[in-house]
Structure formats: structure tokens, C-alpha cells
PDB file of N, CA and C in Angstrom:
ATOM      1  N   MET A   1      31.207  52.213  85.266  1.00  0.00           N
ATOM      2  CA  MET A   1      31.487  51.182  86.241  1.00  0.00           C
ATOM      3  C   MET A   1      30.131  50.556  86.702  1.00  0.00           C
ATOM      4  N   THR A   2      30.126  49.228  86.631  1.00  0.00           N
ATOM      5  CA  THR A   2      28.931  48.548  87.078  1.00  0.00           C
ATOM      6  C   THR A   2      28.792  48.482  88.591  1.00  0.00           C
ATOM      7  N   ASP A   3      27.615  48.074  89.049  1.00  0.00           N
ATOM      8  CA  ASP A   3      27.415  47.876  90.475  1.00  0.00           C
ATOM      9  C   ASP A   3      28.448  46.813  90.956  1.00  0.00           C
ATOM     10  N   GLU A   4      28.585  45.789  90.216  1.00  0.00           N
ATOM     11  CA  GLU A   4      29.514  44.701  90.585  1.00  0.00           C
ATOM     12  C   GLU A   4      30.934  45.253  90.644  1.00  0.00           C
ATOM     13  N   ASP A   5      31.333  46.070  89.759  1.00  0.00           N
ATOM     14  CA  ASP A   5      32.707  46.652  89.756  1.00  0.00           C
ATOM     15  C   ASP A   5      32.873  47.474  91.002  1.00  0.00           C
ATOM     16  N   LYS A   6      31.835  48.222  91.384  1.00  0.00           N
ATOM     17  CA  LYS A   6      31.916  49.060  92.629  1.00  0.00           C
ATOM     18  C   LYS A   6      32.062  48.189  93.863  1.00  0.00           C
ATOM     19  N   MET A   7      31.319  47.095  93.910  1.00  0.00           N
ATOM     20  CA  MET A   7      31.410  46.202  95.025  1.00  0.00           C
ATOM     21  C   MET A   7      32.821  45.559  95.104  1.00  0.00           C
ATOM     22  N   ILE A   8      33.328  45.126  93.934  1.00  0.00           N
ATOM     23  CA  ILE A   8      34.636  44.529  93.894  1.00  0.00           C
ATOM     24  C   ILE A   8      35.681  45.511  94.380  1.00  0.00           C
ATOM     25  N   TYR A   9      35.571  46.766  93.951  1.00  0.00           N
ATOM     26  CA  TYR A   9      36.531  47.777  94.316  1.00  0.00           C
ATOM     27  C   TYR A   9      36.486  48.053  95.817  1.00  0.00           C
ATOM     28  N   LYS A  10      35.301  48.110  96.456  1.00  0.00           N
ATOM     29  CA  LYS A  10      35.187  48.300  97.851  1.00  0.00           C
ATOM     30  C   LYS A  10      35.786  47.136  98.657  1.00  0.00           C
ATOM     31  N   LEU A  11      35.544  45.923  98.164  1.00  0.00           N
ATOM     32  CA  LEU A  11      36.100  44.745  98.831  1.00  0.00           C
ATOM     33  C   LEU A  11      37.621  44.731  98.763  1.00  0.00           C
ATOM     34  N   LYS A  12      38.159  45.129  97.631  1.00  0.00           N
ATOM     35  CA  LYS A  12      39.611  45.144  97.460  1.00  0.00           C
ATOM     36  C   LYS A  12      40.239  46.214  98.370  1.00  0.00           C
ATOM     37  N   VAL A  13      39.609  47.383  98.452  1.00  0.00           N
ATOM     38  CA  VAL A  13      40.102  48.442  99.353  1.00  0.00           C
ATOM     39  C   VAL A  13      40.074  47.906 100.833  1.00  0.00           C
ATOM     40  N   HIS A  14      38.944  47.286 101.170  1.00  0.00           N
ATOM     41  CA  HIS A  14      38.816  46.757 102.546  1.00  0.00           C
ATOM     42  C   HIS A  14      39.908  45.704 102.803  1.00  0.00           C
ATOM     43  N   ARG A  15      40.140  44.797 101.855  1.00  0.00           N
ATOM     44  CA  ARG A  15      41.110  43.762 101.994  1.00  0.00           C
ATOM     45  C   ARG A  15      42.506  44.355 102.205  1.00  0.00           C
ATOM     46  N   ASP A  16      42.842  45.317 101.363  1.00  0.00           N
ATOM     47  CA  ASP A  16      44.155  45.980 101.423  1.00  0.00           C
ATOM     48  C   ASP A  16      44.305  46.770 102.740  1.00  0.00           C
ATOM     49  N   PHE A  17      43.264  47.435 103.123  1.00  0.00           N
ATOM     50  CA  PHE A  17      43.336  48.226 104.378  1.00  0.00           C
ATOM     51  C   PHE A  17      43.568  47.295 105.564  1.00  0.00           C
ATOM     52  N   ILE A  18      42.833  46.255 105.660  1.00  0.00           N
ATOM     53  CA  ILE A  18      42.956  45.336 106.751  1.00  0.00           C
ATOM     54  C   ILE A  18      44.404  44.740 106.813  1.00  0.00           C
ATOM     55  N   GLY A  19      44.930  44.405 105.643  1.00  0.00           N
ATOM     56  CA  GLY A  19      46.338  43.921 105.570  1.00  0.00           C
ATOM     57  C   GLY A  19      47.266  44.974 106.050  1.00  0.00           C
ATOM     58  N   TRP A  20      47.034  46.271 105.712  1.00  0.00           N
ATOM     59  CA  TRP A  20      47.909  47.343 106.125  1.00  0.00           C
ATOM     60  C   TRP A  20      47.866  47.538 107.624  1.00  0.00           C
ATOM     61  N   VAL A  21      46.644  47.475 108.214  1.00  0.00           N
ATOM     62  CA  VAL A  21      46.472  47.630 109.658  1.00  0.00           C
ATOM     63  C   VAL A  21      47.188  46.494 110.399  1.00  0.00           C
ATOM     64  N   ILE A  22      47.046  45.275 109.891  1.00  0.00           N
ATOM     65  CA  ILE A  22      47.765  44.135 110.482  1.00  0.00           C
ATOM     66  C   ILE A  22      49.283  44.371 110.440  1.00  0.00           C
ATOM     67  N   ASP A  23      49.764  44.836 109.333  1.00  0.00           N
ATOM     68  CA  ASP A  23      51.218  45.151 109.234  1.00  0.00           C
ATOM     69  C   ASP A  23      51.645  46.217 110.250  1.00  0.00           C
ATOM     70  N   LYS A  24      50.790  47.263 110.457  1.00  0.00           N
ATOM     71  CA  LYS A  24      51.084  48.295 111.473  1.00  0.00           C
ATOM     72  C   LYS A  24      51.119  47.693 112.837  1.00  0.00           C
ATOM     73  N   LEU A  25      50.138  46.780 113.146  1.00  0.00           N
ATOM     74  CA  LEU A  25      50.126  46.142 114.476  1.00  0.00           C
ATOM     75  C   LEU A  25      51.382  45.263 114.660  1.00  0.00           C
ATOM     76  N   LYS A  26      51.853  44.600 113.596  1.00  0.00           N
ATOM     77  CA  LYS A  26      53.099  43.811 113.709  1.00  0.00           C
ATOM     78  C   LYS A  26      54.308  44.704 114.021  1.00  0.00           C
ATOM     79  N   GLU A  27      54.320  45.916 113.412  1.00  0.00           N
ATOM     80  CA  GLU A  27      55.399  46.833 113.754  1.00  0.00           C
ATOM     81  C   GLU A  27      55.394  47.185 115.222  1.00  0.00           C
ATOM     82  N   GLU A  28      54.216  47.165 115.825  1.00  0.00           N
ATOM     83  CA  GLU A  28      54.114  47.418 117.284  1.00  0.00           C
ATOM     84  C   GLU A  28      54.196  46.169 118.121  1.00  0.00           C
ATOM     85  N   GLU A  29      54.588  45.074 117.439  1.00  0.00           N
ATOM     86  CA  GLU A  29      54.763  43.786 118.114  1.00  0.00           C
ATOM     87  C   GLU A  29      53.450  43.247 118.729  1.00  0.00           C
ATOM     88  N   ILE A  30      52.348  43.551 118.034  1.00  0.00           N
ATOM     89  CA  ILE A  30      51.060  43.034 118.408  1.00  0.00           C
ATOM     90  C   ILE A  30      50.624  41.929 117.473  1.00  0.00           C
ATOM     91  N   SER A  31      50.379  40.750 118.003  1.00  0.00           N
ATOM     92  CA  SER A  31      49.957  39.617 117.218  1.00  0.00           C
ATOM     93  C   SER A  31      48.500  39.749 116.824  1.00  0.00           C
ATOM     94  N   ALA A  32      48.241  39.676 115.484  1.00  0.00           N
ATOM     95  CA  ALA A  32      46.886  39.732 114.981  1.00  0.00           C
ATOM     96  C   ALA A  32      46.806  39.006 113.710  1.00  0.00           C
ATOM     97  N   LYS A  33      45.635  38.518 113.304  1.00  0.00           N
ATOM     98  CA  LYS A  33      45.413  37.858 112.081  1.00  0.00           C
ATOM     99  C   LYS A  33      44.036  38.240 111.502  1.00  0.00           C
ATOM    100  N   ARG A  34      43.968  38.027 110.196  1.00  0.00           N
ATOM    101  CA  ARG A  34      42.680  38.312 109.527  1.00  0.00           C
ATOM    102  C   ARG A  34      41.669  37.237 109.863  1.00  0.00           C
ATOM    103  N   THR A  35      40.438  37.683 110.052  1.00  0.00           N
ATOM    104  CA  THR A  35      39.390  36.685 110.333  1.00  0.00           C
ATOM    105  C   THR A  35      38.893  36.187 108.952  1.00  0.00           C
ATOM    106  N   THR A  36      38.150  35.070 109.015  1.00  0.00           N
ATOM    107  CA  THR A  36      37.554  34.521 107.840  1.00  0.00           C
ATOM    108  C   THR A  36      36.071  34.276 108.148  1.00  0.00           C
ATOM    109  N   GLY A  37      35.303  33.997 107.119  1.00  0.00           N
ATOM    110  CA  GLY A  37      33.925  33.654 107.318  1.00  0.00           C
ATOM    111  C   GLY A  37      32.950  34.757 107.092  1.00  0.00           C
ATOM    112  N   GLY A  38      33.436  35.925 106.662  1.00  0.00           N
ATOM    113  CA  GLY A  38      32.578  37.018 106.296  1.00  0.00           C
ATOM    114  C   GLY A  38      31.885  37.670 107.424  1.00  0.00           C
ATOM    115  N   ASP A  39      32.365  37.585 108.654  1.00  0.00           N
ATOM    116  CA  ASP A  39      31.771  38.278 109.780  1.00  0.00           C
ATOM    117  C   ASP A  39      31.835  39.789 109.542  1.00  0.00           C
ATOM    118  N   ARG A  40      30.697  40.413 109.444  1.00  0.00           N
ATOM    119  CA  ARG A  40      30.685  41.857 109.141  1.00  0.00           C
ATOM    120  C   ARG A  40      31.052  42.737 110.319  1.00  0.00           C
ATOM    121  N   ASN A  41      31.142  42.149 111.516  1.00  0.00           N
ATOM    122  CA  ASN A  41      31.519  42.911 112.662  1.00  0.00           C
ATOM    123  C   ASN A  41      32.957  42.937 113.018  1.00  0.00           C
ATOM    124  N   SER A  42      33.752  42.129 112.332  1.00  0.00           N
ATOM    125  CA  SER A  42      35.170  42.147 112.614  1.00  0.00           C
ATOM    126  C   SER A  42      35.972  41.635 111.381  1.00  0.00           C
ATOM    127  N   ALA A  43      37.223  42.080 111.312  1.00  0.00           N
ATOM    128  CA  ALA A  43      38.073  41.619 110.183  1.00  0.00           C
ATOM    129  C   ALA A  43      39.440  41.295 110.774  1.00  0.00           C
ATOM    130  N   ILE A  44      39.755  41.681 111.970  1.00  0.00           N
ATOM    131  CA  ILE A  44      41.056  41.410 112.558  1.00  0.00           C
ATOM    132  C   ILE A  44      40.816  40.762 113.919  1.00  0.00           C
ATOM    133  N   LEU A  45      41.540  39.695 114.131  1.00  0.00           N
ATOM    134  CA  LEU A  45      41.510  39.001 115.432  1.00  0.00           C
ATOM    135  C   LEU A  45      42.785  39.372 116.219  1.00  0.00           C
ATOM    136  N   ILE A  46      42.638  39.940 117.372  1.00  0.00           N
ATOM    137  CA  ILE A  46      43.757  40.296 118.256  1.00  0.00           C
ATOM    138  C   ILE A  46      44.003  39.064 119.086  1.00  0.00           C
ATOM    139  N   ILE A  47      45.259  38.551 119.059  1.00  0.00           N
ATOM    140  CA  ILE A  47      45.559  37.311 119.735  1.00  0.00           C
ATOM    141  C   ILE A  47      45.590  37.420 121.217  1.00  0.00           C
ATOM    142  N   LYS A  48      46.156  38.501 121.788  1.00  0.00           N
ATOM    143  CA  LYS A  48      46.220  38.661 123.239  1.00  0.00           C
ATOM    144  C   LYS A  48      45.187  39.740 123.666  1.00  0.00           C
ATOM    145  N   PRO A  49      44.284  39.357 124.499  1.00  0.00           N
ATOM    146  CA  PRO A  49      43.279  40.355 124.957  1.00  0.00           C
ATOM    147  C   PRO A  49      43.922  41.562 125.616  1.00  0.00           C
ATOM    148  N   GLU A  50      45.082  41.437 126.240  1.00  0.00           N
ATOM    149  CA  GLU A  50      45.709  42.602 126.845  1.00  0.00           C
ATOM    150  C   GLU A  50      46.200  43.639 125.860  1.00  0.00           C
ATOM    151  N   ASP A  51      46.260  43.246 124.560  1.00  0.00           N
ATOM    152  CA  ASP A  51      46.647  44.200 123.491  1.00  0.00           C
ATOM    153  C   ASP A  51      45.526  45.067 122.965  1.00  0.00           C
ATOM    154  N   VAL A  52      44.325  44.688 123.347  1.00  0.00           N
ATOM    155  CA  VAL A  52      43.162  45.402 122.772  1.00  0.00           C
ATOM    156  C   VAL A  52      43.146  46.915 123.002  1.00  0.00           C
ATOM    157  N   PRO A  53      43.442  47.384 124.236  1.00  0.00           N
ATOM    158  CA  PRO A  53      43.501  48.886 124.429  1.00  0.00           C
ATOM    159  C   PRO A  53      44.496  49.535 123.469  1.00  0.00           C
ATOM    160  N   ARG A  54      45.688  48.923 123.348  1.00  0.00           N
ATOM    161  CA  ARG A  54      46.736  49.511 122.424  1.00  0.00           C
ATOM    162  C   ARG A  54      46.251  49.497 121.006  1.00  0.00           C
ATOM    163  N   VAL A  55      45.606  48.417 120.596  1.00  0.00           N
ATOM    164  CA  VAL A  55      45.036  48.349 119.216  1.00  0.00           C
ATOM    165  C   VAL A  55      44.030  49.443 118.973  1.00  0.00           C
ATOM    166  N   LYS A  56      43.125  49.630 119.940  1.00  0.00           N
ATOM    167  CA  LYS A  56      42.149  50.721 119.773  1.00  0.00           C
ATOM    168  C   LYS A  56      42.803  52.084 119.678  1.00  0.00           C
ATOM    169  N   GLU A  57      43.848  52.269 120.433  1.00  0.00           N
ATOM    170  CA  GLU A  57      44.653  53.559 120.320  1.00  0.00           C
ATOM    171  C   GLU A  57      45.214  53.720 118.957  1.00  0.00           C
ATOM    172  N   ILE A  58      45.842  52.630 118.463  1.00  0.00           N
ATOM    173  CA  ILE A  58      46.492  52.711 117.147  1.00  0.00           C
ATOM    174  C   ILE A  58      45.438  52.983 116.044  1.00  0.00           C
ATOM    175  N   VAL A  59      44.290  52.317 116.130  1.00  0.00           N
ATOM    176  CA  VAL A  59      43.232  52.506 115.140  1.00  0.00           C
ATOM    177  C   VAL A  59      42.704  53.963 115.209  1.00  0.00           C
ATOM    178  N   ARG A  60      42.525  54.461 116.461  1.00  0.00           N
ATOM    179  CA  ARG A  60      42.102  55.896 116.584  1.00  0.00           C
ATOM    180  C   ARG A  60      43.116  56.804 115.982  1.00  0.00           C
ATOM    181  N   ASN A  61      44.347  56.577 116.130  1.00  0.00           N
ATOM    182  CA  ASN A  61      45.423  57.404 115.557  1.00  0.00           C
ATOM    183  C   ASN A  61      45.402  57.324 114.055  1.00  0.00           C
ATOM    184  N   ILE A  62      45.170  56.160 113.471  1.00  0.00           N
ATOM    185  CA  ILE A  62      45.086  55.966 112.016  1.00  0.00           C
ATOM    186  C   ILE A  62      43.868  56.781 111.549  1.00  0.00           C
ATOM    187  N   ASP A  63      42.730  56.618 112.191  1.00  0.00           N
ATOM    188  CA  ASP A  63      41.525  57.362 111.818  1.00  0.00           C
ATOM    189  C   ASP A  63      41.766  58.838 111.898  1.00  0.00           C
ATOM    190  N   HIS A  64      42.323  59.319 112.952  1.00  0.00           N
ATOM    191  CA  HIS A  64      42.558  60.770 113.076  1.00  0.00           C
ATOM    192  C   HIS A  64      43.530  61.267 111.991  1.00  0.00           C
ATOM    193  N   LYS A  65      44.546  60.507 111.736  1.00  0.00           N
ATOM    194  CA  LYS A  65      45.527  60.979 110.724  1.00  0.00           C
ATOM    195  C   LYS A  65      44.952  61.032 109.328  1.00  0.00           C
ATOM    196  N   TYR A  66      44.100  60.105 108.969  1.00  0.00           N
ATOM    197  CA  TYR A  66      43.617  60.026 107.573  1.00  0.00           C
ATOM    198  C   TYR A  66      42.239  60.593 107.387  1.00  0.00           C
ATOM    199  N   ASN A  67      41.485  60.859 108.485  1.00  0.00           N
ATOM    200  CA  ASN A  67      40.113  61.376 108.332  1.00  0.00           C
ATOM    201  C   ASN A  67      39.901  62.706 108.985  1.00  0.00           C
ATOM    202  N   SER A  68      40.928  63.385 109.356  1.00  0.00           N
ATOM    203  CA  SER A  68      40.726  64.712 109.975  1.00  0.00           C
ATOM    204  C   SER A  68      41.043  65.789 108.987  1.00  0.00           C
TER     205      SER A  68
END
């Protein structure tokens, strides 16, 4: 596997993961969308600021479930 193949793989995993998280947020009736422009500090825009604490909780639960 070339360096480029590895980079492509990582980007595809990231893309698919972000899509999956957005789907999970939709299941919780939280409006979110994918950001554009290559901002390395964010990939998901939460539409309502009041949803941010719930989103953080959901992400923590996902992290705990898959990384513990």
C-alpha cells in the first residue's frame, strides 16, 4: 500500500464516520450537517447551540462504546 493509498483510506474512514455520526444525531432529532472547506478542527456543524451539550454526550458515548 502506498502512502497515497493510506491517506485515501484514512480520508474515506473519516468521511464515513462523520456521516454515521450525523445519522446518529438525526436519530436523536438533532440537526447537524457536514462542514466543508477542509477545516481540520471541525467536521460537523451543529445547527442549534442548545444541542451542543447533548451532542458532546452522544460523542462521548460513541467513544466509550468503541474505544474502551
